[in-house]
Protein backbone atom coordinates (compact mmCIF):
# COMPACT_ATOMS: atom_id res chain seq x y z
CA UNK A 1 0.00 0.00 0.00
CA UNK A 2 1.16 3.51 -0.78
CA UNK A 3 -0.95 6.40 0.50
CA UNK A 4 -0.29 10.12 0.08
CA UNK A 5 -1.07 12.59 2.88
CA UNK A 6 -0.15 16.22 3.53
CA UNK A 7 2.97 16.51 5.66
CA UNK A 8 1.37 18.92 8.14
CA UNK A 9 -2.25 17.76 7.97
CA UNK A 10 -4.45 15.83 10.36
CA UNK A 11 -4.74 13.04 7.75
CA UNK A 12 -1.11 12.10 8.43
CA UNK A 13 -1.67 11.88 12.19
CA UNK A 14 -4.91 9.93 11.78
CA UNK A 15 -3.39 7.37 9.43
CA UNK A 16 -0.25 6.93 11.56
CA UNK A 17 -2.38 6.46 14.69
CA UNK A 18 -4.54 3.80 13.01
CA UNK A 19 -1.51 1.91 11.69
CA UNK A 20 0.12 1.90 15.16
CA UNK A 21 -3.14 0.75 16.81
CA UNK A 22 -3.38 -2.09 14.30
CA UNK A 23 0.26 -3.13 14.81
CA UNK A 24 1.12 -2.42 11.17
CA UNK A 25 4.68 -1.34 10.49
CA UNK A 26 4.96 1.48 8.01
CA UNK A 27 7.46 3.85 6.50
CA UNK A 28 7.11 7.56 5.73
CA UNK A 29 9.10 9.40 3.12
CA UNK A 30 8.79 12.73 1.34
CA UNK A 31 6.87 12.36 -1.92
CA UNK A 32 8.53 13.56 -5.08
CA UNK A 33 5.77 16.10 -5.76
CA UNK A 34 3.79 18.83 -4.01
CA UNK A 35 0.16 19.91 -4.20
CA UNK A 36 -0.56 23.45 -5.26
CA UNK A 37 -3.36 25.12 -3.32
CA UNK A 38 -4.11 28.66 -4.47
CA UNK A 39 -0.82 30.54 -4.47
CA UNK A 40 1.07 28.16 -2.17
CA UNK A 41 2.12 24.52 -2.27
CA UNK A 42 1.80 21.80 0.33
CA UNK A 43 4.36 19.09 1.02
CA UNK A 44 3.18 15.53 0.57
CA UNK A 45 4.30 12.43 2.46
CA UNK A 46 4.19 8.93 1.07
CA UNK A 47 3.21 6.30 3.64
CA UNK A 48 4.10 2.73 2.72
CA UNK A 49 2.80 -0.39 4.46
CA UNK A 50 2.35 -4.01 3.53
CA UNK A 51 -1.45 -4.25 3.41
CA UNK A 52 -3.60 -6.16 0.93
CA UNK A 53 -5.75 -4.31 -1.55
CA UNK A 54 -9.32 -5.53 -1.83
CA UNK A 55 -11.89 -4.89 -4.55
CA UNK A 56 -15.48 -3.84 -4.09
CA UNK A 57 -17.84 -4.80 -6.91
CA UNK A 58 -18.95 -1.82 -8.94
CA UNK A 59 -16.52 0.65 -7.33
CA UNK A 60 -14.07 2.02 -9.88
CA UNK A 61 -13.01 5.37 -8.41
CA UNK A 62 -11.62 4.24 -5.04
CA UNK A 63 -9.02 1.79 -3.73
CA UNK A 64 -9.39 -0.19 -0.49
CA UNK A 65 -6.57 -1.44 1.76
CA UNK A 66 -7.54 -3.94 4.47
CA UNK A 67 -6.22 -3.52 8.02
CA UNK A 68 -5.85 -6.56 10.33
CA UNK A 69 -9.05 -5.59 12.21
CA UNK A 70 -11.07 -5.51 8.98
CA UNK A 71 -11.20 -1.70 8.81
CA UNK A 72 -10.41 -0.24 5.40
CA UNK A 73 -8.13 2.59 4.35
CA UNK A 74 -9.86 4.21 1.37
CA UNK A 75 -7.95 6.23 -1.22
CA UNK A 76 -8.79 7.78 -4.55
CA UNK A 77 -7.26 6.24 -7.66
CA UNK A 78 -4.14 8.39 -7.21
CA UNK A 79 -3.64 6.97 -3.69
CA UNK A 80 -4.60 10.15 -1.83
CA UNK A 81 -6.15 9.31 1.56
CA UNK A 82 -9.92 9.73 1.54
CA UNK A 83 -11.12 8.07 4.74
CA UNK A 84 -10.90 5.11 7.13
CA UNK A 85 -13.99 2.84 7.06
CA UNK A 86 -15.22 0.46 9.71
CA UNK A 87 -17.25 -2.29 8.07
CA UNK A 88 -20.63 -3.24 9.54
CA UNK A 89 -20.58 -6.09 12.11
CA UNK A 90 -20.47 -9.54 10.55
CA UNK A 91 -18.55 -8.49 7.45
PDB file of N, CA and C in Angstrom:
ATOM      1  N   UNK A   1       0.845  -1.170   0.000  1.00  0.00           N
ATOM      2  CA  UNK A   1       0.000   0.000   0.000  1.00  0.00           C
ATOM      3  C   UNK A   1       0.886   1.226   0.000  1.00  0.00           C
ATOM      4  N   UNK A   2       0.555   2.185  -0.815  1.00  0.00           N
ATOM      5  CA  UNK A   2       1.161   3.513  -0.785  1.00  0.00           C
ATOM      6  C   UNK A   2       0.013   4.507  -0.701  1.00  0.00           C
ATOM      7  N   UNK A   3       0.078   5.391   0.302  1.00  0.00           N
ATOM      8  CA  UNK A   3      -0.950   6.399   0.498  1.00  0.00           C
ATOM      9  C   UNK A   3      -0.265   7.748   0.633  1.00  0.00           C
ATOM     10  N   UNK A   4      -0.831   8.770  -0.002  1.00  0.00           N
ATOM     11  CA  UNK A   4      -0.294  10.124   0.076  1.00  0.00           C
ATOM     12  C   UNK A   4      -1.126  10.973   1.027  1.00  0.00           C
ATOM     13  N   UNK A   5      -0.430  11.689   1.918  1.00  0.00           N
ATOM     14  CA  UNK A   5      -1.068  12.588   2.878  1.00  0.00           C
ATOM     15  C   UNK A   5      -0.269  13.885   2.918  1.00  0.00           C
ATOM     16  N   UNK A   6      -0.892  14.966   3.389  1.00  0.00           N
ATOM     17  CA  UNK A   6      -0.148  16.223   3.530  1.00  0.00           C
ATOM     18  C   UNK A   6       0.786  16.103   4.725  1.00  0.00           C
ATOM     19  N   UNK A   7       1.978  16.684   4.601  1.00  0.00           N
ATOM     20  CA  UNK A   7       2.973  16.509   5.660  1.00  0.00           C
ATOM     21  C   UNK A   7       2.632  17.237   6.955  1.00  0.00           C
ATOM     22  N   UNK A   8       1.735  18.202   6.919  1.00  0.00           N
ATOM     23  CA  UNK A   8       1.368  18.919   8.137  1.00  0.00           C
ATOM     24  C   UNK A   8      -0.107  18.749   8.484  1.00  0.00           C
ATOM     25  N   UNK A   9      -0.806  17.888   7.781  1.00  0.00           N
ATOM     26  CA  UNK A   9      -2.251  17.759   7.972  1.00  0.00           C
ATOM     27  C   UNK A   9      -2.647  16.725   9.005  1.00  0.00           C
ATOM     28  N   UNK A  10      -3.908  16.785   9.392  1.00  0.00           N
ATOM     29  CA  UNK A  10      -4.446  15.829  10.355  1.00  0.00           C
ATOM     30  C   UNK A  10      -4.573  14.434   9.738  1.00  0.00           C
ATOM     31  N   UNK A  11      -4.644  14.355   8.400  1.00  0.00           N
ATOM     32  CA  UNK A  11      -4.741  13.042   7.754  1.00  0.00           C
ATOM     33  C   UNK A  11      -3.513  12.194   8.036  1.00  0.00           C
ATOM     34  N   UNK A  12      -2.347  12.814   8.105  1.00  0.00           N
ATOM     35  CA  UNK A  12      -1.113  12.096   8.426  1.00  0.00           C
ATOM     36  C   UNK A  12      -1.189  11.518   9.832  1.00  0.00           C
ATOM     37  N   UNK A  13      -1.586  12.331  10.803  1.00  0.00           N
ATOM     38  CA  UNK A  13      -1.671  11.883  12.194  1.00  0.00           C
ATOM     39  C   UNK A  13      -2.704  10.774  12.342  1.00  0.00           C
ATOM     40  N   UNK A  14      -3.853  10.935  11.683  1.00  0.00           N
ATOM     41  CA  UNK A  14      -4.914   9.932  11.775  1.00  0.00           C
ATOM     42  C   UNK A  14      -4.453   8.590  11.223  1.00  0.00           C
ATOM     43  N   UNK A  15      -3.834   8.612  10.045  1.00  0.00           N
ATOM     44  CA  UNK A  15      -3.389   7.369   9.431  1.00  0.00           C
ATOM     45  C   UNK A  15      -2.292   6.706  10.264  1.00  0.00           C
ATOM     46  N   UNK A  16      -1.325   7.484  10.742  1.00  0.00           N
ATOM     47  CA  UNK A  16      -0.249   6.926  11.563  1.00  0.00           C
ATOM     48  C   UNK A  16      -0.815   6.302  12.839  1.00  0.00           C
ATOM     49  N   UNK A  17      -1.774   6.971  13.463  1.00  0.00           N
ATOM     50  CA  UNK A  17      -2.382   6.462  14.693  1.00  0.00           C
ATOM     51  C   UNK A  17      -3.092   5.128  14.436  1.00  0.00           C
ATOM     52  N   UNK A  18      -3.835   5.040  13.355  1.00  0.00           N
ATOM     53  CA  UNK A  18      -4.540   3.801  13.010  1.00  0.00           C
ATOM     54  C   UNK A  18      -3.549   2.668  12.758  1.00  0.00           C
ATOM     55  N   UNK A  19      -2.497   2.948  12.001  1.00  0.00           N
ATOM     56  CA  UNK A  19      -1.512   1.909  11.695  1.00  0.00           C
ATOM     57  C   UNK A  19      -0.840   1.406  12.965  1.00  0.00           C
ATOM     58  N   UNK A  20      -0.494   2.300  13.885  1.00  0.00           N
ATOM     59  CA  UNK A  20       0.119   1.901  15.156  1.00  0.00           C
ATOM     60  C   UNK A  20      -0.862   1.063  15.978  1.00  0.00           C
ATOM     61  N   UNK A  21      -2.113   1.508  16.077  1.00  0.00           N
ATOM     62  CA  UNK A  21      -3.138   0.751  16.814  1.00  0.00           C
ATOM     63  C   UNK A  21      -3.286  -0.665  16.260  1.00  0.00           C
ATOM     64  N   UNK A  22      -3.189  -0.797  14.958  1.00  0.00           N
ATOM     65  CA  UNK A  22      -3.381  -2.085  14.298  1.00  0.00           C
ATOM     66  C   UNK A  22      -2.111  -2.941  14.310  1.00  0.00           C
ATOM     67  N   UNK A  23      -0.999  -2.382  14.782  1.00  0.00           N
ATOM     68  CA  UNK A  23       0.257  -3.125  14.806  1.00  0.00           C
ATOM     69  C   UNK A  23       0.899  -3.275  13.439  1.00  0.00           C
ATOM     70  N   UNK A  24       0.581  -2.367  12.533  1.00  0.00           N
ATOM     71  CA  UNK A  24       1.118  -2.415  11.170  1.00  0.00           C
ATOM     72  C   UNK A  24       2.374  -1.547  11.102  1.00  0.00           C
ATOM     73  N   UNK A  25       3.475  -2.139  10.678  1.00  0.00           N
ATOM     74  CA  UNK A  25       4.683  -1.341  10.488  1.00  0.00           C
ATOM     75  C   UNK A  25       4.551  -0.575   9.179  1.00  0.00           C
ATOM     76  N   UNK A  26       5.063   0.641   9.193  1.00  0.00           N
ATOM     77  CA  UNK A  26       4.957   1.481   8.008  1.00  0.00           C
ATOM     78  C   UNK A  26       6.184   2.368   7.910  1.00  0.00           C
ATOM     79  N   UNK A  27       6.325   2.973   6.768  1.00  0.00           N
ATOM     80  CA  UNK A  27       7.458   3.850   6.497  1.00  0.00           C
ATOM     81  C   UNK A  27       6.935   5.130   5.864  1.00  0.00           C
ATOM     82  N   UNK A  28       7.468   6.260   6.317  1.00  0.00           N
ATOM     83  CA  UNK A  28       7.112   7.558   5.734  1.00  0.00           C
ATOM     84  C   UNK A  28       8.304   8.101   4.978  1.00  0.00           C
ATOM     85  N   UNK A  29       8.047   8.698   3.830  1.00  0.00           N
ATOM     86  CA  UNK A  29       9.103   9.405   3.118  1.00  0.00           C
ATOM     87  C   UNK A  29       8.473  10.571   2.359  1.00  0.00           C
ATOM     88  N   UNK A  30       9.271  11.564   2.069  1.00  0.00           N
ATOM     89  CA  UNK A  30       8.785  12.732   1.338  1.00  0.00           C
ATOM     90  C   UNK A  30       8.453  12.322  -0.087  1.00  0.00           C
ATOM     91  N   UNK A  31       7.265  12.662  -0.536  1.00  0.00           N
ATOM     92  CA  UNK A  31       6.868  12.365  -1.918  1.00  0.00           C
ATOM     93  C   UNK A  31       7.670  13.246  -2.869  1.00  0.00           C
ATOM     94  N   UNK A  32       7.741  12.835  -4.084  1.00  0.00           N
ATOM     95  CA  UNK A  32       8.528  13.560  -5.083  1.00  0.00           C
ATOM     96  C   UNK A  32       7.728  14.651  -5.775  1.00  0.00           C
ATOM     97  N   UNK A  33       6.596  15.030  -5.189  1.00  0.00           N
ATOM     98  CA  UNK A  33       5.773  16.101  -5.756  1.00  0.00           C
ATOM     99  C   UNK A  33       5.112  16.868  -4.624  1.00  0.00           C
ATOM    100  N   UNK A  34       4.534  18.007  -4.952  1.00  0.00           N
ATOM    101  CA  UNK A  34       3.789  18.826  -4.005  1.00  0.00           C
ATOM    102  C   UNK A  34       2.429  19.133  -4.596  1.00  0.00           C
ATOM    103  N   UNK A  35       1.483  19.479  -3.738  1.00  0.00           N
ATOM    104  CA  UNK A  35       0.164  19.912  -4.201  1.00  0.00           C
ATOM    105  C   UNK A  35       0.123  21.419  -4.174  1.00  0.00           C
ATOM    106  N   UNK A  36      -0.386  21.997  -5.225  1.00  0.00           N
ATOM    107  CA  UNK A  36      -0.562  23.445  -5.257  1.00  0.00           C
ATOM    108  C   UNK A  36      -1.970  23.781  -4.821  1.00  0.00           C
ATOM    109  N   UNK A  37      -2.060  24.674  -3.835  1.00  0.00           N
ATOM    110  CA  UNK A  37      -3.356  25.122  -3.319  1.00  0.00           C
ATOM    111  C   UNK A  37      -3.347  26.638  -3.380  1.00  0.00           C
ATOM    112  N   UNK A  38      -4.122  27.211  -4.307  1.00  0.00           N
ATOM    113  CA  UNK A  38      -4.115  28.658  -4.474  1.00  0.00           C
ATOM    114  C   UNK A  38      -2.745  29.125  -4.924  1.00  0.00           C
ATOM    115  N   UNK A  39      -2.125  29.991  -4.115  1.00  0.00           N
ATOM    116  CA  UNK A  39      -0.817  30.541  -4.470  1.00  0.00           C
ATOM    117  C   UNK A  39       0.320  29.867  -3.719  1.00  0.00           C
ATOM    118  N   UNK A  40       0.018  28.851  -2.910  1.00  0.00           N
ATOM    119  CA  UNK A  40       1.068  28.157  -2.169  1.00  0.00           C
ATOM    120  C   UNK A  40       1.056  26.671  -2.511  1.00  0.00           C
ATOM    121  N   UNK A  41       2.073  25.973  -2.052  1.00  0.00           N
ATOM    122  CA  UNK A  41       2.120  24.525  -2.271  1.00  0.00           C
ATOM    123  C   UNK A  41       2.249  23.826  -0.926  1.00  0.00           C
ATOM    124  N   UNK A  42       1.801  22.597  -0.882  1.00  0.00           N
ATOM    125  CA  UNK A  42       1.802  21.803   0.334  1.00  0.00           C
ATOM    126  C   UNK A  42       2.669  20.582   0.124  1.00  0.00           C
ATOM    127  N   UNK A  43       3.530  20.291   1.097  1.00  0.00           N
ATOM    128  CA  UNK A  43       4.361  19.093   1.016  1.00  0.00           C
ATOM    129  C   UNK A  43       3.514  17.847   1.204  1.00  0.00           C
ATOM    130  N   UNK A  44       3.917  16.789   0.533  1.00  0.00           N
ATOM    131  CA  UNK A  44       3.176  15.527   0.573  1.00  0.00           C
ATOM    132  C   UNK A  44       4.105  14.424   1.076  1.00  0.00           C
ATOM    133  N   UNK A  45       3.570  13.601   1.983  1.00  0.00           N
ATOM    134  CA  UNK A  45       4.298  12.430   2.459  1.00  0.00           C
ATOM    135  C   UNK A  45       3.718  11.184   1.815  1.00  0.00           C
ATOM    136  N   UNK A  46       4.591  10.236   1.567  1.00  0.00           N
ATOM    137  CA  UNK A  46       4.193   8.930   1.068  1.00  0.00           C
ATOM    138  C   UNK A  46       4.303   7.965   2.239  1.00  0.00           C
ATOM    139  N   UNK A  47       3.212   7.289   2.566  1.00  0.00           N
ATOM    140  CA  UNK A  47       3.215   6.296   3.635  1.00  0.00           C
ATOM    141  C   UNK A  47       3.092   4.930   2.989  1.00  0.00           C
ATOM    142  N   UNK A  48       4.049   4.064   3.310  1.00  0.00           N
ATOM    143  CA  UNK A  48       4.099   2.732   2.718  1.00  0.00           C
ATOM    144  C   UNK A  48       3.885   1.692   3.812  1.00  0.00           C
ATOM    145  N   UNK A  49       3.044   0.713   3.544  1.00  0.00           N
ATOM    146  CA  UNK A  49       2.804  -0.393   4.463  1.00  0.00           C
ATOM    147  C   UNK A  49       2.431  -1.624   3.645  1.00  0.00           C
ATOM    148  N   UNK A  50       2.661  -2.768   4.224  1.00  0.00           N
ATOM    149  CA  UNK A  50       2.350  -4.010   3.535  1.00  0.00           C
ATOM    150  C   UNK A  50       0.932  -4.442   3.906  1.00  0.00           C
ATOM    151  N   UNK A  51      -0.046  -3.919   3.191  1.00  0.00           N
ATOM    152  CA  UNK A  51      -1.451  -4.254   3.406  1.00  0.00           C
ATOM    153  C   UNK A  51      -2.055  -4.718   2.091  1.00  0.00           C
ATOM    154  N   UNK A  52      -2.971  -5.678   2.166  1.00  0.00           N
ATOM    155  CA  UNK A  52      -3.596  -6.161   0.927  1.00  0.00           C
ATOM    156  C   UNK A  52      -4.645  -5.189   0.407  1.00  0.00           C
ATOM    157  N   UNK A  53      -4.700  -5.098  -0.912  1.00  0.00           N
ATOM    158  CA  UNK A  53      -5.751  -4.307  -1.549  1.00  0.00           C
ATOM    159  C   UNK A  53      -6.931  -5.233  -1.810  1.00  0.00           C
ATOM    160  N   UNK A  54      -8.131  -4.738  -1.528  1.00  0.00           N
ATOM    161  CA  UNK A  54      -9.324  -5.529  -1.829  1.00  0.00           C
ATOM    162  C   UNK A  54     -10.161  -4.767  -2.847  1.00  0.00           C
ATOM    163  N   UNK A  55     -11.004  -5.484  -3.537  1.00  0.00           N
ATOM    164  CA  UNK A  55     -11.887  -4.892  -4.554  1.00  0.00           C
ATOM    165  C   UNK A  55     -13.314  -4.913  -4.050  1.00  0.00           C
ATOM    166  N   UNK A  56     -14.044  -3.873  -4.372  1.00  0.00           N
ATOM    167  CA  UNK A  56     -15.476  -3.839  -4.091  1.00  0.00           C
ATOM    168  C   UNK A  56     -16.191  -3.823  -5.430  1.00  0.00           C
ATOM    169  N   UNK A  57     -17.125  -4.742  -5.622  1.00  0.00           N
ATOM    170  CA  UNK A  57     -17.836  -4.804  -6.907  1.00  0.00           C
ATOM    171  C   UNK A  57     -18.501  -3.472  -7.240  1.00  0.00           C
ATOM    172  N   UNK A  58     -18.300  -3.036  -8.462  1.00  0.00           N
ATOM    173  CA  UNK A  58     -18.949  -1.824  -8.944  1.00  0.00           C
ATOM    174  C   UNK A  58     -18.250  -0.523  -8.578  1.00  0.00           C
ATOM    175  N   UNK A  59     -17.222  -0.579  -7.732  1.00  0.00           N
ATOM    176  CA  UNK A  59     -16.516   0.646  -7.332  1.00  0.00           C
ATOM    177  C   UNK A  59     -15.266   0.774  -8.191  1.00  0.00           C
ATOM    178  N   UNK A  60     -15.208   1.854  -8.971  1.00  0.00           N
ATOM    179  CA  UNK A  60     -14.071   2.023  -9.882  1.00  0.00           C
ATOM    180  C   UNK A  60     -13.256   3.281  -9.597  1.00  0.00           C
ATOM    181  N   UNK A  61     -13.710   4.113  -8.655  1.00  0.00           N
ATOM    182  CA  UNK A  61     -13.009   5.368  -8.411  1.00  0.00           C
ATOM    183  C   UNK A  61     -12.344   5.434  -7.038  1.00  0.00           C
ATOM    184  N   UNK A  62     -12.268   4.297  -6.343  1.00  0.00           N
ATOM    185  CA  UNK A  62     -11.616   4.236  -5.038  1.00  0.00           C
ATOM    186  C   UNK A  62     -10.820   2.940  -4.923  1.00  0.00           C
ATOM    187  N   UNK A  63      -9.806   2.982  -4.042  1.00  0.00           N
ATOM    188  CA  UNK A  63      -9.023   1.786  -3.732  1.00  0.00           C
ATOM    189  C   UNK A  63      -9.195   1.511  -2.248  1.00  0.00           C
ATOM    190  N   UNK A  64      -9.158   0.229  -1.862  1.00  0.00           N
ATOM    191  CA  UNK A  64      -9.394  -0.186  -0.488  1.00  0.00           C
ATOM    192  C   UNK A  64      -8.237  -1.053  -0.003  1.00  0.00           C
ATOM    193  N   UNK A  65      -7.691  -0.713   1.160  1.00  0.00           N
ATOM    194  CA  UNK A  65      -6.575  -1.438   1.758  1.00  0.00           C
ATOM    195  C   UNK A  65      -7.050  -1.983   3.097  1.00  0.00           C
ATOM    196  N   UNK A  66      -6.953  -3.288   3.297  1.00  0.00           N
ATOM    197  CA  UNK A  66      -7.535  -3.939   4.467  1.00  0.00           C
ATOM    198  C   UNK A  66      -6.547  -3.994   5.633  1.00  0.00           C
ATOM    199  N   UNK A  67      -6.987  -3.458   6.781  1.00  0.00           N
ATOM    200  CA  UNK A  67      -6.223  -3.518   8.023  1.00  0.00           C
ATOM    201  C   UNK A  67      -6.506  -4.846   8.725  1.00  0.00           C
ATOM    202  N   UNK A  68      -5.629  -5.282   9.636  1.00  0.00           N
ATOM    203  CA  UNK A  68      -5.846  -6.560  10.331  1.00  0.00           C
ATOM    204  C   UNK A  68      -7.215  -6.669  11.015  1.00  0.00           C
ATOM    205  N   UNK A  69      -7.758  -5.569  11.517  1.00  0.00           N
ATOM    206  CA  UNK A  69      -9.050  -5.592  12.210  1.00  0.00           C
ATOM    207  C   UNK A  69     -10.231  -5.694  11.253  1.00  0.00           C
ATOM    208  N   UNK A  70      -9.987  -5.513   9.955  1.00  0.00           N
ATOM    209  CA  UNK A  70     -11.067  -5.508   8.982  1.00  0.00           C
ATOM    210  C   UNK A  70     -11.435  -4.105   8.526  1.00  0.00           C
ATOM    211  N   UNK A  71     -10.950  -3.074   9.255  1.00  0.00           N
ATOM    212  CA  UNK A  71     -11.198  -1.705   8.806  1.00  0.00           C
ATOM    213  C   UNK A  71     -10.493  -1.496   7.468  1.00  0.00           C
ATOM    214  N   UNK A  72     -10.955  -0.497   6.731  1.00  0.00           N
ATOM    215  CA  UNK A  72     -10.407  -0.238   5.404  1.00  0.00           C
ATOM    216  C   UNK A  72      -9.851   1.172   5.310  1.00  0.00           C
ATOM    217  N   UNK A  73      -8.683   1.282   4.722  1.00  0.00           N
ATOM    218  CA  UNK A  73      -8.132   2.588   4.348  1.00  0.00           C
ATOM    219  C   UNK A  73      -8.602   2.810   2.919  1.00  0.00           C
ATOM    220  N   UNK A  74      -9.288   3.924   2.688  1.00  0.00           N
ATOM    221  CA  UNK A  74      -9.861   4.212   1.372  1.00  0.00           C
ATOM    222  C   UNK A  74      -9.093   5.380   0.753  1.00  0.00           C
ATOM    223  N   UNK A  75      -8.643   5.179  -0.486  1.00  0.00           N
ATOM    224  CA  UNK A  75      -7.946   6.230  -1.217  1.00  0.00           C
ATOM    225  C   UNK A  75      -8.653   6.454  -2.546  1.00  0.00           C
ATOM    226  N   UNK A  76      -8.333   7.597  -3.169  1.00  0.00           N
ATOM    227  CA  UNK A  76      -8.786   7.783  -4.546  1.00  0.00           C
ATOM    228  C   UNK A  76      -7.856   6.979  -5.449  1.00  0.00           C
ATOM    229  N   UNK A  77      -8.061   7.043  -6.735  1.00  0.00           N
ATOM    230  CA  UNK A  77      -7.257   6.240  -7.660  1.00  0.00           C
ATOM    231  C   UNK A  77      -5.804   6.711  -7.765  1.00  0.00           C
ATOM    232  N   UNK A  78      -5.513   7.894  -7.229  1.00  0.00           N
ATOM    233  CA  UNK A  78      -4.138   8.393  -7.214  1.00  0.00           C
ATOM    234  C   UNK A  78      -3.483   8.164  -5.862  1.00  0.00           C
ATOM    235  N   UNK A  79      -4.120   7.362  -5.012  1.00  0.00           N
ATOM    236  CA  UNK A  79      -3.635   6.968  -3.688  1.00  0.00           C
ATOM    237  C   UNK A  79      -3.634   8.089  -2.656  1.00  0.00           C
ATOM    238  N   UNK A  80      -4.440   9.114  -2.841  1.00  0.00           N
ATOM    239  CA  UNK A  80      -4.601  10.151  -1.826  1.00  0.00           C
ATOM    240  C   UNK A  80      -5.607   9.659  -0.793  1.00  0.00           C
ATOM    241  N   UNK A  81      -5.269   9.787   0.495  1.00  0.00           N
ATOM    242  CA  UNK A  81      -6.149   9.308   1.555  1.00  0.00           C
ATOM    243  C   UNK A  81      -7.501   9.997   1.476  1.00  0.00           C
ATOM    244  N   UNK A  82      -8.561   9.206   1.530  1.00  0.00           N
ATOM    245  CA  UNK A  82      -9.922   9.728   1.538  1.00  0.00           C
ATOM    246  C   UNK A  82     -10.531   9.566   2.927  1.00  0.00           C
ATOM    247  N   UNK A  83     -10.519   8.315   3.436  1.00  0.00           N
ATOM    248  CA  UNK A  83     -11.125   8.067   4.739  1.00  0.00           C
ATOM    249  C   UNK A  83     -10.722   6.691   5.252  1.00  0.00           C
ATOM    250  N   UNK A  84     -11.051   6.431   6.518  1.00  0.00           N
ATOM    251  CA  UNK A  84     -10.903   5.114   7.129  1.00  0.00           C
ATOM    252  C   UNK A  84     -12.323   4.604   7.379  1.00  0.00           C
ATOM    253  N   UNK A  85     -12.643   3.401   6.898  1.00  0.00           N
ATOM    254  CA  UNK A  85     -13.988   2.836   7.059  1.00  0.00           C
ATOM    255  C   UNK A  85     -13.964   1.683   8.048  1.00  0.00           C
ATOM    256  N   UNK A  86     -15.001   1.616   8.860  1.00  0.00           N
ATOM    257  CA  UNK A  86     -15.216   0.457   9.712  1.00  0.00           C
ATOM    258  C   UNK A  86     -16.393  -0.307   9.123  1.00  0.00           C
ATOM    259  N   UNK A  87     -16.151  -1.554   8.688  1.00  0.00           N
ATOM    260  CA  UNK A  87     -17.249  -2.294   8.071  1.00  0.00           C
ATOM    261  C   UNK A  87     -18.326  -2.647   9.093  1.00  0.00           C
ATOM    262  N   UNK A  88     -19.549  -2.856   8.634  1.00  0.00           N
ATOM    263  CA  UNK A  88     -20.630  -3.244   9.539  1.00  0.00           C
ATOM    264  C   UNK A  88     -20.290  -4.576  10.224  1.00  0.00           C
ATOM    265  N   UNK A  89     -20.831  -4.808  11.415  1.00  0.00           N
ATOM    266  CA  UNK A  89     -20.583  -6.090  12.107  1.00  0.00           C
ATOM    267  C   UNK A  89     -20.982  -7.285  11.229  1.00  0.00           C
ATOM    268  N   UNK A  90     -20.179  -8.332  11.313  1.00  0.00           N
ATOM    269  CA  UNK A  90     -20.473  -9.535  10.548  1.00  0.00           C
ATOM    270  C   UNK A  90     -19.869  -9.562   9.165  1.00  0.00           C
ATOM    271  N   UNK A  91     -19.148  -8.529   8.792  1.00  0.00           N
ATOM    272  CA  UNK A  91     -18.552  -8.488   7.447  1.00  0.00           C
ATOM    273  C   UNK A  91     -17.097  -8.851   7.520  1.00  0.00           C
TER     274      UNK A  91
END
